[in-house]
mmCIF file of all heavy atoms, coordinates in Angstrom:
data_MODEL
# 
_entry.id   MODEL 
# 
loop_
_atom_site.group_PDB 
_atom_site.id 
_atom_site.type_symbol 
_atom_site.label_atom_id 
_atom_site.label_alt_id 
_atom_site.label_comp_id 
_atom_site.label_asym_id 
_atom_site.label_entity_id 
_atom_site.label_seq_id 
_atom_site.pdbx_PDB_ins_code 
_atom_site.Cartn_x 
_atom_site.Cartn_y 
_atom_site.Cartn_z 
_atom_site.occupancy 
_atom_site.B_iso_or_equiv 
_atom_site.pdbx_formal_charge 
_atom_site.auth_seq_id 
_atom_site.auth_comp_id 
_atom_site.auth_asym_id 
_atom_site.auth_atom_id 
_atom_site.pdbx_PDB_model_num 
ATOM 1   N N   . PRO A 1 1  ? -20.105 4.002  -1.731 1.00 0.00 ? 1  PRO A N   1 
ATOM 2   C CA  . PRO A 1 1  ? -18.693 4.388  -1.775 1.00 0.00 ? 1  PRO A CA  1 
ATOM 3   C C   . PRO A 1 1  ? -17.750 3.319  -1.219 1.00 0.00 ? 1  PRO A C   1 
ATOM 4   O O   . PRO A 1 1  ? -16.582 3.406  -1.381 1.00 0.00 ? 1  PRO A O   1 
ATOM 5   C CB  . PRO A 1 1  ? -18.629 5.637  -0.888 1.00 0.00 ? 1  PRO A CB  1 
ATOM 6   C CG  . PRO A 1 1  ? -20.038 6.118  -0.824 1.00 0.00 ? 1  PRO A CG  1 
ATOM 7   C CD  . PRO A 1 1  ? -20.868 4.895  -0.892 1.00 0.00 ? 1  PRO A CD  1 
ATOM 8   N N   . ALA A 1 2  ? -18.300 2.298  -0.530 1.00 0.00 ? 2  ALA A N   1 
ATOM 9   C CA  . ALA A 1 2  ? -17.447 1.298  0.121  1.00 0.00 ? 2  ALA A CA  1 
ATOM 10  C C   . ALA A 1 2  ? -16.455 0.638  -0.822 1.00 0.00 ? 2  ALA A C   1 
ATOM 11  O O   . ALA A 1 2  ? -15.288 0.552  -0.510 1.00 0.00 ? 2  ALA A O   1 
ATOM 12  C CB  . ALA A 1 2  ? -18.307 0.245  0.803  1.00 0.00 ? 2  ALA A CB  1 
ATOM 13  N N   . PRO A 1 3  ? -16.880 0.158  -2.028 1.00 0.00 ? 3  PRO A N   1 
ATOM 14  C CA  . PRO A 1 3  ? -15.908 -0.497 -2.903 1.00 0.00 ? 3  PRO A CA  1 
ATOM 15  C C   . PRO A 1 3  ? -14.744 0.415  -3.294 1.00 0.00 ? 3  PRO A C   1 
ATOM 16  O O   . PRO A 1 3  ? -13.605 0.000  -3.248 1.00 0.00 ? 3  PRO A O   1 
ATOM 17  C CB  . PRO A 1 3  ? -16.740 -0.855 -4.147 1.00 0.00 ? 3  PRO A CB  1 
ATOM 18  C CG  . PRO A 1 3  ? -18.140 -0.908 -3.659 1.00 0.00 ? 3  PRO A CG  1 
ATOM 19  C CD  . PRO A 1 3  ? -18.220 0.126  -2.580 1.00 0.00 ? 3  PRO A CD  1 
ATOM 20  N N   . SER A 1 4  ? -15.052 1.680  -3.657 1.00 0.00 ? 4  SER A N   1 
ATOM 21  C CA  . SER A 1 4  ? -13.987 2.574  -4.086 1.00 0.00 ? 4  SER A CA  1 
ATOM 22  C C   . SER A 1 4  ? -13.047 2.895  -2.933 1.00 0.00 ? 4  SER A C   1 
ATOM 23  O O   . SER A 1 4  ? -11.848 2.970  -3.101 1.00 0.00 ? 4  SER A O   1 
ATOM 24  C CB  . SER A 1 4  ? -14.569 3.875  -4.655 1.00 0.00 ? 4  SER A CB  1 
ATOM 25  O OG  . SER A 1 4  ? -15.340 4.531  -3.670 1.00 0.00 ? 4  SER A OG  1 
ATOM 26  N N   . SER A 1 5  ? -13.598 3.052  -1.714 1.00 0.00 ? 5  SER A N   1 
ATOM 27  C CA  . SER A 1 5  ? -12.747 3.356  -0.572 1.00 0.00 ? 5  SER A CA  1 
ATOM 28  C C   . SER A 1 5  ? -11.870 2.160  -0.239 1.00 0.00 ? 5  SER A C   1 
ATOM 29  O O   . SER A 1 5  ? -10.726 2.309  0.144  1.00 0.00 ? 5  SER A O   1 
ATOM 30  C CB  . SER A 1 5  ? -13.601 3.745  0.638  1.00 0.00 ? 5  SER A CB  1 
ATOM 31  O OG  . SER A 1 5  ? -14.422 2.664  1.025  1.00 0.00 ? 5  SER A OG  1 
ATOM 32  N N   . ASN A 1 6  ? -12.411 0.947  -0.404 1.00 0.00 ? 6  ASN A N   1 
ATOM 33  C CA  . ASN A 1 6  ? -11.613 -0.254 -0.148 1.00 0.00 ? 6  ASN A CA  1 
ATOM 34  C C   . ASN A 1 6  ? -10.468 -0.364 -1.144 1.00 0.00 ? 6  ASN A C   1 
ATOM 35  O O   . ASN A 1 6  ? -9.359  -0.737 -0.793 1.00 0.00 ? 6  ASN A O   1 
ATOM 36  C CB  . ASN A 1 6  ? -12.482 -1.519 -0.249 1.00 0.00 ? 6  ASN A CB  1 
ATOM 37  C CG  . ASN A 1 6  ? -13.381 -1.655 0.980  1.00 0.00 ? 6  ASN A CG  1 
ATOM 38  O OD1 . ASN A 1 6  ? -13.138 -1.035 2.006  1.00 0.00 ? 6  ASN A OD1 1 
ATOM 39  N ND2 . ASN A 1 6  ? -14.437 -2.454 0.855  1.00 0.00 ? 6  ASN A ND2 1 
ATOM 40  N N   . ASP A 1 7  ? -10.759 -0.044 -2.409 1.00 0.00 ? 7  ASP A N   1 
ATOM 41  C CA  . ASP A 1 7  ? -9.717  -0.078 -3.433 1.00 0.00 ? 7  ASP A CA  1 
ATOM 42  C C   . ASP A 1 7  ? -8.598  0.883  -3.079 1.00 0.00 ? 7  ASP A C   1 
ATOM 43  O O   . ASP A 1 7  ? -7.420  0.577  -3.216 1.00 0.00 ? 7  ASP A O   1 
ATOM 44  C CB  . ASP A 1 7  ? -10.291 0.291  -4.814 1.00 0.00 ? 7  ASP A CB  1 
ATOM 45  C CG  . ASP A 1 7  ? -11.241 -0.788 -5.315 1.00 0.00 ? 7  ASP A CG  1 
ATOM 46  O OD1 . ASP A 1 7  ? -11.159 -1.921 -4.793 1.00 0.00 ? 7  ASP A OD1 1 
ATOM 47  O OD2 . ASP A 1 7  ? -12.042 -0.485 -6.205 1.00 0.00 ? 7  ASP A OD2 1 
ATOM 48  N N   . LYS A 1 8  ? -8.968  2.069  -2.611 1.00 0.00 ? 8  LYS A N   1 
ATOM 49  C CA  . LYS A 1 8  ? -7.965  3.063  -2.248 1.00 0.00 ? 8  LYS A CA  1 
ATOM 50  C C   . LYS A 1 8  ? -7.117  2.565  -1.093 1.00 0.00 ? 8  LYS A C   1 
ATOM 51  O O   . LYS A 1 8  ? -5.916  2.741  -1.068 1.00 0.00 ? 8  LYS A O   1 
ATOM 52  C CB  . LYS A 1 8  ? -8.639  4.387  -1.874 1.00 0.00 ? 8  LYS A CB  1 
ATOM 53  C CG  . LYS A 1 8  ? -9.213  5.135  -3.067 1.00 0.00 ? 8  LYS A CG  1 
ATOM 54  C CD  . LYS A 1 8  ? -9.898  6.409  -2.622 1.00 0.00 ? 8  LYS A CD  1 
ATOM 55  C CE  . LYS A 1 8  ? -10.519 7.136  -3.808 1.00 0.00 ? 8  LYS A CE  1 
ATOM 56  N NZ  . LYS A 1 8  ? -11.246 8.325  -3.382 1.00 0.00 ? 8  LYS A NZ  1 
ATOM 57  N N   . MET A 1 9  ? -7.796  1.923  -0.115 1.00 0.00 ? 9  MET A N   1 
ATOM 58  C CA  . MET A 1 9  ? -7.067  1.410  1.039  1.00 0.00 ? 9  MET A CA  1 
ATOM 59  C C   . MET A 1 9  ? -6.059  0.357  0.616  1.00 0.00 ? 9  MET A C   1 
ATOM 60  O O   . MET A 1 9  ? -4.938  0.318  1.098  1.00 0.00 ? 9  MET A O   1 
ATOM 61  C CB  . MET A 1 9  ? -8.053  0.810  2.043  1.00 0.00 ? 9  MET A CB  1 
ATOM 62  C CG  . MET A 1 9  ? -8.861  1.851  2.796  1.00 0.00 ? 9  MET A CG  1 
ATOM 63  S SD  . MET A 1 9  ? -7.823  2.875  3.856  1.00 0.00 ? 9  MET A SD  1 
ATOM 64  C CE  . MET A 1 9  ? -7.410  1.671  5.123  1.00 0.00 ? 9  MET A CE  1 
ATOM 65  N N   . GLU A 1 10 ? -6.484  -0.531 -0.314 1.00 0.00 ? 10 GLU A N   1 
ATOM 66  C CA  . GLU A 1 10 ? -5.600  -1.603 -0.773 1.00 0.00 ? 10 GLU A CA  1 
ATOM 67  C C   . GLU A 1 10 ? -4.359  -1.031 -1.465 1.00 0.00 ? 10 GLU A C   1 
ATOM 68  O O   . GLU A 1 10 ? -3.248  -1.473 -1.226 1.00 0.00 ? 10 GLU A O   1 
ATOM 69  C CB  . GLU A 1 10 ? -6.345  -2.527 -1.723 1.00 0.00 ? 10 GLU A CB  1 
ATOM 70  C CG  . GLU A 1 10 ? -7.360  -3.413 -1.006 1.00 0.00 ? 10 GLU A CG  1 
ATOM 71  C CD  . GLU A 1 10 ? -8.203  -4.231 -1.965 1.00 0.00 ? 10 GLU A CD  1 
ATOM 72  O OE1 . GLU A 1 10 ? -7.945  -4.175 -3.178 1.00 0.00 ? 10 GLU A OE1 1 
ATOM 73  O OE2 . GLU A 1 10 ? -9.110  -4.917 -1.485 1.00 0.00 ? 10 GLU A OE2 1 
ATOM 74  N N   . THR A 1 11 ? -4.579  -0.052 -2.340 1.00 0.00 ? 11 THR A N   1 
ATOM 75  C CA  . THR A 1 11 ? -3.438  0.521  -3.060 1.00 0.00 ? 11 THR A CA  1 
ATOM 76  C C   . THR A 1 11 ? -2.522  1.259  -2.097 1.00 0.00 ? 11 THR A C   1 
ATOM 77  O O   . THR A 1 11 ? -1.308  1.210  -2.220 1.00 0.00 ? 11 THR A O   1 
ATOM 78  C CB  . THR A 1 11 ? -3.913  1.499  -4.157 1.00 0.00 ? 11 THR A CB  1 
ATOM 79  O OG1 . THR A 1 11 ? -4.799  2.465  -3.567 1.00 0.00 ? 11 THR A OG1 1 
ATOM 80  C CG2 . THR A 1 11 ? -4.643  0.764  -5.257 1.00 0.00 ? 11 THR A CG2 1 
ATOM 81  N N   . GLU A 1 12 ? -3.133  1.944  -1.094 1.00 0.00 ? 12 GLU A N   1 
ATOM 82  C CA  . GLU A 1 12 ? -2.307  2.647  -0.120 1.00 0.00 ? 12 GLU A CA  1 
ATOM 83  C C   . GLU A 1 12 ? -1.471  1.661  0.690  1.00 0.00 ? 12 GLU A C   1 
ATOM 84  O O   . GLU A 1 12 ? -0.315  1.894  0.969  1.00 0.00 ? 12 GLU A O   1 
ATOM 85  C CB  . GLU A 1 12 ? -3.196  3.470  0.825  1.00 0.00 ? 12 GLU A CB  1 
ATOM 86  C CG  . GLU A 1 12 ? -3.746  4.738  0.163  1.00 0.00 ? 12 GLU A CG  1 
ATOM 87  C CD  . GLU A 1 12 ? -4.725  5.457  1.065  1.00 0.00 ? 12 GLU A CD  1 
ATOM 88  O OE1 . GLU A 1 12 ? -4.909  5.005  2.217  1.00 0.00 ? 12 GLU A OE1 1 
ATOM 89  O OE2 . GLU A 1 12 ? -5.310  6.455  0.634  1.00 0.00 ? 12 GLU A OE2 1 
ATOM 90  N N   . GLU A 1 13 ? -2.102  0.514  1.056  1.00 0.00 ? 13 GLU A N   1 
ATOM 91  C CA  . GLU A 1 13 ? -1.376  -0.497 1.827  1.00 0.00 ? 13 GLU A CA  1 
ATOM 92  C C   . GLU A 1 13 ? -0.223  -1.057 1.005  1.00 0.00 ? 13 GLU A C   1 
ATOM 93  O O   . GLU A 1 13 ? 0.868   -1.271 1.513  1.00 0.00 ? 13 GLU A O   1 
ATOM 94  C CB  . GLU A 1 13 ? -2.324  -1.619 2.241  1.00 0.00 ? 13 GLU A CB  1 
ATOM 95  C CG  . GLU A 1 13 ? -3.261  -1.208 3.381  1.00 0.00 ? 13 GLU A CG  1 
ATOM 96  C CD  . GLU A 1 13 ? -4.263  -2.293 3.696  1.00 0.00 ? 13 GLU A CD  1 
ATOM 97  O OE1 . GLU A 1 13 ? -4.175  -3.362 3.067  1.00 0.00 ? 13 GLU A OE1 1 
ATOM 98  O OE2 . GLU A 1 13 ? -5.115  -2.076 4.571  1.00 0.00 ? 13 GLU A OE2 1 
ATOM 99  N N   . GLU A 1 14 ? -0.485  -1.294 -0.297 1.00 0.00 ? 14 GLU A N   1 
ATOM 100 C CA  . GLU A 1 14 ? 0.570   -1.821 -1.156 1.00 0.00 ? 14 GLU A CA  1 
ATOM 101 C C   . GLU A 1 14 ? 1.723   -0.827 -1.267 1.00 0.00 ? 14 GLU A C   1 
ATOM 102 O O   . GLU A 1 14 ? 2.880   -1.204 -1.192 1.00 0.00 ? 14 GLU A O   1 
ATOM 103 C CB  . GLU A 1 14 ? 0.017   -2.125 -2.557 1.00 0.00 ? 14 GLU A CB  1 
ATOM 104 C CG  . GLU A 1 14 ? -0.873  -3.352 -2.587 1.00 0.00 ? 14 GLU A CG  1 
ATOM 105 C CD  . GLU A 1 14 ? -1.502  -3.566 -3.951 1.00 0.00 ? 14 GLU A CD  1 
ATOM 106 O OE1 . GLU A 1 14 ? -1.235  -2.767 -4.866 1.00 0.00 ? 14 GLU A OE1 1 
ATOM 107 O OE2 . GLU A 1 14 ? -2.257  -4.525 -4.095 1.00 0.00 ? 14 GLU A OE2 1 
ATOM 108 N N   . ASP A 1 15 ? 1.385   0.442  -1.423 1.00 0.00 ? 15 ASP A N   1 
ATOM 109 C CA  . ASP A 1 15 ? 2.418   1.466  -1.533 1.00 0.00 ? 15 ASP A CA  1 
ATOM 110 C C   . ASP A 1 15 ? 3.256   1.537  -0.257 1.00 0.00 ? 15 ASP A C   1 
ATOM 111 O O   . ASP A 1 15 ? 4.457   1.728  -0.300 1.00 0.00 ? 15 ASP A O   1 
ATOM 112 C CB  . ASP A 1 15 ? 1.791   2.844  -1.804 1.00 0.00 ? 15 ASP A CB  1 
ATOM 113 C CG  . ASP A 1 15 ? 1.178   2.900  -3.201 1.00 0.00 ? 15 ASP A CG  1 
ATOM 114 O OD1 . ASP A 1 15 ? 1.571   2.064  -4.032 1.00 0.00 ? 15 ASP A OD1 1 
ATOM 115 O OD2 . ASP A 1 15 ? 0.323   3.755  -3.444 1.00 0.00 ? 15 ASP A OD2 1 
ATOM 116 N N   . GLU A 1 16 ? 2.564   1.365  0.883  1.00 0.00 ? 16 GLU A N   1 
ATOM 117 C CA  . GLU A 1 16 ? 3.286   1.444  2.147  1.00 0.00 ? 16 GLU A CA  1 
ATOM 118 C C   . GLU A 1 16 ? 4.149   0.206  2.365  1.00 0.00 ? 16 GLU A C   1 
ATOM 119 O O   . GLU A 1 16 ? 5.204   0.273  2.952  1.00 0.00 ? 16 GLU A O   1 
ATOM 120 C CB  . GLU A 1 16 ? 2.289   1.590  3.298  1.00 0.00 ? 16 GLU A CB  1 
ATOM 121 C CG  . GLU A 1 16 ? 1.624   2.967  3.333  1.00 0.00 ? 16 GLU A CG  1 
ATOM 122 C CD  . GLU A 1 16 ? 0.533   3.054  4.381  1.00 0.00 ? 16 GLU A CD  1 
ATOM 123 O OE1 . GLU A 1 16 ? 0.335   2.048  5.097  1.00 0.00 ? 16 GLU A OE1 1 
ATOM 124 O OE2 . GLU A 1 16 ? -0.116  4.091  4.487  1.00 0.00 ? 16 GLU A OE2 1 
ATOM 125 N N   . GLU A 1 17 ? 3.670   -0.946 1.876  1.00 0.00 ? 17 GLU A N   1 
ATOM 126 C CA  . GLU A 1 17 ? 4.379   -2.202 2.112  1.00 0.00 ? 17 GLU A CA  1 
ATOM 127 C C   . GLU A 1 17 ? 5.636   -2.322 1.248  1.00 0.00 ? 17 GLU A C   1 
ATOM 128 O O   . GLU A 1 17 ? 6.597   -2.948 1.642  1.00 0.00 ? 17 GLU A O   1 
ATOM 129 C CB  . GLU A 1 17 ? 3.458   -3.395 1.821  1.00 0.00 ? 17 GLU A CB  1 
ATOM 130 C CG  . GLU A 1 17 ? 2.417   -3.622 2.916  1.00 0.00 ? 17 GLU A CG  1 
ATOM 131 C CD  . GLU A 1 17 ? 1.439   -4.715 2.557  1.00 0.00 ? 17 GLU A CD  1 
ATOM 132 O OE1 . GLU A 1 17 ? 1.604   -5.317 1.482  1.00 0.00 ? 17 GLU A OE1 1 
ATOM 133 O OE2 . GLU A 1 17 ? 0.520   -4.961 3.342  1.00 0.00 ? 17 GLU A OE2 1 
ATOM 134 N N   . ILE A 1 18 ? 5.626   -1.720 0.063  1.00 0.00 ? 18 ILE A N   1 
ATOM 135 C CA  . ILE A 1 18 ? 6.759   -1.897 -0.862 1.00 0.00 ? 18 ILE A CA  1 
ATOM 136 C C   . ILE A 1 18 ? 8.086   -1.469 -0.220 1.00 0.00 ? 18 ILE A C   1 
ATOM 137 O O   . ILE A 1 18 ? 9.039   -2.224 -0.262 1.00 0.00 ? 18 ILE A O   1 
ATOM 138 C CB  . ILE A 1 18 ? 6.511   -1.150 -2.186 1.00 0.00 ? 18 ILE A CB  1 
ATOM 139 C CG1 . ILE A 1 18 ? 5.443   -1.906 -2.982 1.00 0.00 ? 18 ILE A CG1 1 
ATOM 140 C CG2 . ILE A 1 18 ? 7.787   -1.033 -3.008 1.00 0.00 ? 18 ILE A CG2 1 
ATOM 141 C CD1 . ILE A 1 18 ? 4.918   -1.176 -4.182 1.00 0.00 ? 18 ILE A CD1 1 
ATOM 142 N N   . PRO A 1 19 ? 8.185   -0.286 0.419  1.00 0.00 ? 19 PRO A N   1 
ATOM 143 C CA  . PRO A 1 19 ? 9.462   0.071  1.038  1.00 0.00 ? 19 PRO A CA  1 
ATOM 144 C C   . PRO A 1 19 ? 9.795   -0.783 2.258  1.00 0.00 ? 19 PRO A C   1 
ATOM 145 O O   . PRO A 1 19 ? 10.927  -1.146 2.474  1.00 0.00 ? 19 PRO A O   1 
ATOM 146 C CB  . PRO A 1 19 ? 9.262   1.535  1.442  1.00 0.00 ? 19 PRO A CB  1 
ATOM 147 C CG  . PRO A 1 19 ? 8.052   1.998  0.708  1.00 0.00 ? 19 PRO A CG  1 
ATOM 148 C CD  . PRO A 1 19 ? 7.213   0.790  0.497  1.00 0.00 ? 19 PRO A CD  1 
ATOM 149 N N   . SER A 1 20 ? 8.791   -1.098 3.098  1.00 0.00 ? 20 SER A N   1 
ATOM 150 C CA  . SER A 1 20 ? 9.065   -1.795 4.352  1.00 0.00 ? 20 SER A CA  1 
ATOM 151 C C   . SER A 1 20 ? 9.214   -3.303 4.162  1.00 0.00 ? 20 SER A C   1 
ATOM 152 O O   . SER A 1 20 ? 9.892   -3.962 4.937  1.00 0.00 ? 20 SER A O   1 
ATOM 153 C CB  . SER A 1 20 ? 7.930   -1.515 5.350  1.00 0.00 ? 20 SER A CB  1 
ATOM 154 O OG  . SER A 1 20 ? 6.692   -1.961 4.827  1.00 0.00 ? 20 SER A OG  1 
ATOM 155 N N   . GLU A 1 21 ? 8.573   -3.848 3.134  1.00 0.00 ? 21 GLU A N   1 
ATOM 156 C CA  . GLU A 1 21 ? 8.599   -5.298 2.924  1.00 0.00 ? 21 GLU A CA  1 
ATOM 157 C C   . GLU A 1 21 ? 9.951   -5.761 2.390  1.00 0.00 ? 21 GLU A C   1 
ATOM 158 O O   . GLU A 1 21 ? 10.347  -6.900 2.597  1.00 0.00 ? 21 GLU A O   1 
ATOM 159 C CB  . GLU A 1 21 ? 7.489   -5.688 1.938  1.00 0.00 ? 21 GLU A CB  1 
ATOM 160 C CG  . GLU A 1 21 ? 7.287   -7.189 1.816  1.00 0.00 ? 21 GLU A CG  1 
ATOM 161 C CD  . GLU A 1 21 ? 6.158   -7.535 0.864  1.00 0.00 ? 21 GLU A CD  1 
ATOM 162 O OE1 . GLU A 1 21 ? 5.430   -6.617 0.439  1.00 0.00 ? 21 GLU A OE1 1 
ATOM 163 O OE2 . GLU A 1 21 ? 6.028   -8.726 0.538  1.00 0.00 ? 21 GLU A OE2 1 
ATOM 164 N N   . PHE A 1 22 ? 10.646  -4.879 1.697  1.00 0.00 ? 22 PHE A N   1 
ATOM 165 C CA  . PHE A 1 22 ? 11.942  -5.226 1.112  1.00 0.00 ? 22 PHE A CA  1 
ATOM 166 C C   . PHE A 1 22 ? 13.046  -4.333 1.677  1.00 0.00 ? 22 PHE A C   1 
ATOM 167 O O   . PHE A 1 22 ? 12.788  -3.288 2.240  1.00 0.00 ? 22 PHE A O   1 
ATOM 168 C CB  . PHE A 1 22 ? 11.874  -5.096 -0.416 1.00 0.00 ? 22 PHE A CB  1 
ATOM 169 C CG  . PHE A 1 22 ? 10.751  -5.896 -1.010 1.00 0.00 ? 22 PHE A CG  1 
ATOM 170 C CD1 . PHE A 1 22 ? 9.680   -5.260 -1.622 1.00 0.00 ? 22 PHE A CD1 1 
ATOM 171 C CD2 . PHE A 1 22 ? 10.750  -7.277 -0.955 1.00 0.00 ? 22 PHE A CD2 1 
ATOM 172 C CE1 . PHE A 1 22 ? 8.633   -5.990 -2.153 1.00 0.00 ? 22 PHE A CE1 1 
ATOM 173 C CE2 . PHE A 1 22 ? 9.716   -8.016 -1.480 1.00 0.00 ? 22 PHE A CE2 1 
ATOM 174 C CZ  . PHE A 1 22 ? 8.652   -7.376 -2.080 1.00 0.00 ? 22 PHE A CZ  1 
ATOM 175 N N   . ILE A 1 23 ? 14.258  -4.784 1.482  1.00 0.00 ? 23 ILE A N   1 
ATOM 176 C CA  . ILE A 1 23 ? 15.407  -4.060 2.036  1.00 0.00 ? 23 ILE A CA  1 
ATOM 177 C C   . ILE A 1 23 ? 15.555  -2.683 1.378  1.00 0.00 ? 23 ILE A C   1 
ATOM 178 O O   . ILE A 1 23 ? 15.224  -2.501 0.208  1.00 0.00 ? 23 ILE A O   1 
ATOM 179 C CB  . ILE A 1 23 ? 16.696  -4.893 1.843  1.00 0.00 ? 23 ILE A CB  1 
ATOM 180 C CG1 . ILE A 1 23 ? 17.828  -4.341 2.695  1.00 0.00 ? 23 ILE A CG1 1 
ATOM 181 C CG2 . ILE A 1 23 ? 17.098  -4.942 0.364  1.00 0.00 ? 23 ILE A CG2 1 
ATOM 182 C CD1 . ILE A 1 23 ? 19.006  -5.269 2.803  1.00 0.00 ? 23 ILE A CD1 1 
ATOM 183 N N   . SER A 1 24 ? 16.015  -1.737 2.142  1.00 0.00 ? 24 SER A N   1 
ATOM 184 C CA  . SER A 1 24 ? 16.212  -0.386 1.609  1.00 0.00 ? 24 SER A CA  1 
ATOM 185 C C   . SER A 1 24 ? 17.619  -0.254 1.021  1.00 0.00 ? 24 SER A C   1 
ATOM 186 O O   . SER A 1 24 ? 18.512  -1.049 1.337  1.00 0.00 ? 24 SER A O   1 
ATOM 187 C CB  . SER A 1 24 ? 16.018  0.655  2.718  1.00 0.00 ? 24 SER A CB  1 
ATOM 188 O OG  . SER A 1 24 ? 17.037  0.524  3.684  1.00 0.00 ? 24 SER A OG  1 
ATOM 189 N N   . ARG A 1 25 ? 17.795  0.751  0.195  1.00 0.00 ? 25 ARG A N   1 
ATOM 190 C CA  . ARG A 1 25 ? 19.107  0.977  -0.419 1.00 0.00 ? 25 ARG A CA  1 
ATOM 191 C C   . ARG A 1 25 ? 20.153  1.319  0.652  1.00 0.00 ? 25 ARG A C   1 
ATOM 192 O O   . ARG A 1 25 ? 21.319  0.910  0.562  1.00 0.00 ? 25 ARG A O   1 
ATOM 193 C CB  . ARG A 1 25 ? 19.016  2.118  -1.437 1.00 0.00 ? 25 ARG A CB  1 
ATOM 194 C CG  . ARG A 1 25 ? 20.319  2.332  -2.188 1.00 0.00 ? 25 ARG A CG  1 
ATOM 195 C CD  . ARG A 1 25 ? 20.191  3.429  -3.199 1.00 0.00 ? 25 ARG A CD  1 
ATOM 196 N NE  . ARG A 1 25 ? 19.310  3.068  -4.285 1.00 0.00 ? 25 ARG A NE  1 
ATOM 197 C CZ  . ARG A 1 25 ? 19.026  3.874  -5.307 1.00 0.00 ? 25 ARG A CZ  1 
ATOM 198 N NH1 . ARG A 1 25 ? 19.556  5.086  -5.357 1.00 0.00 ? 25 ARG A NH1 1 
ATOM 199 N NH2 . ARG A 1 25 ? 18.214  3.489  -6.267 1.00 0.00 ? 25 ARG A NH2 1 
ATOM 200 N N   . LYS A 1 26 ? 19.737  2.032  1.692  1.00 0.00 ? 26 LYS A N   1 
ATOM 201 C CA  . LYS A 1 26 ? 20.659  2.400  2.770  1.00 0.00 ? 26 LYS A CA  1 
ATOM 202 C C   . LYS A 1 26 ? 21.205  1.160  3.463  1.00 0.00 ? 26 LYS A C   1 
ATOM 203 O O   . LYS A 1 26 ? 22.397  1.061  3.758  1.00 0.00 ? 26 LYS A O   1 
ATOM 204 C CB  . LYS A 1 26 ? 19.946  3.303  3.791  1.00 0.00 ? 26 LYS A CB  1 
ATOM 205 C CG  . LYS A 1 26 ? 19.671  4.704  3.269  1.00 0.00 ? 26 LYS A CG  1 
ATOM 206 C CD  . LYS A 1 26 ? 19.009  5.545  4.332  1.00 0.00 ? 26 LYS A CD  1 
ATOM 207 C CE  . LYS A 1 26 ? 18.716  6.957  3.798  1.00 0.00 ? 26 LYS A CE  1 
ATOM 208 N NZ  . LYS A 1 26 ? 18.034  7.779  4.834  1.00 0.00 ? 26 LYS A NZ  1 
# 
């Protein structure tokens, strides 16, 4: 299961980084 769990972690990290890495609309 390690590869699939790593893939999930990567996508989750990317999703989390998108709002914080760039300026918000506010």
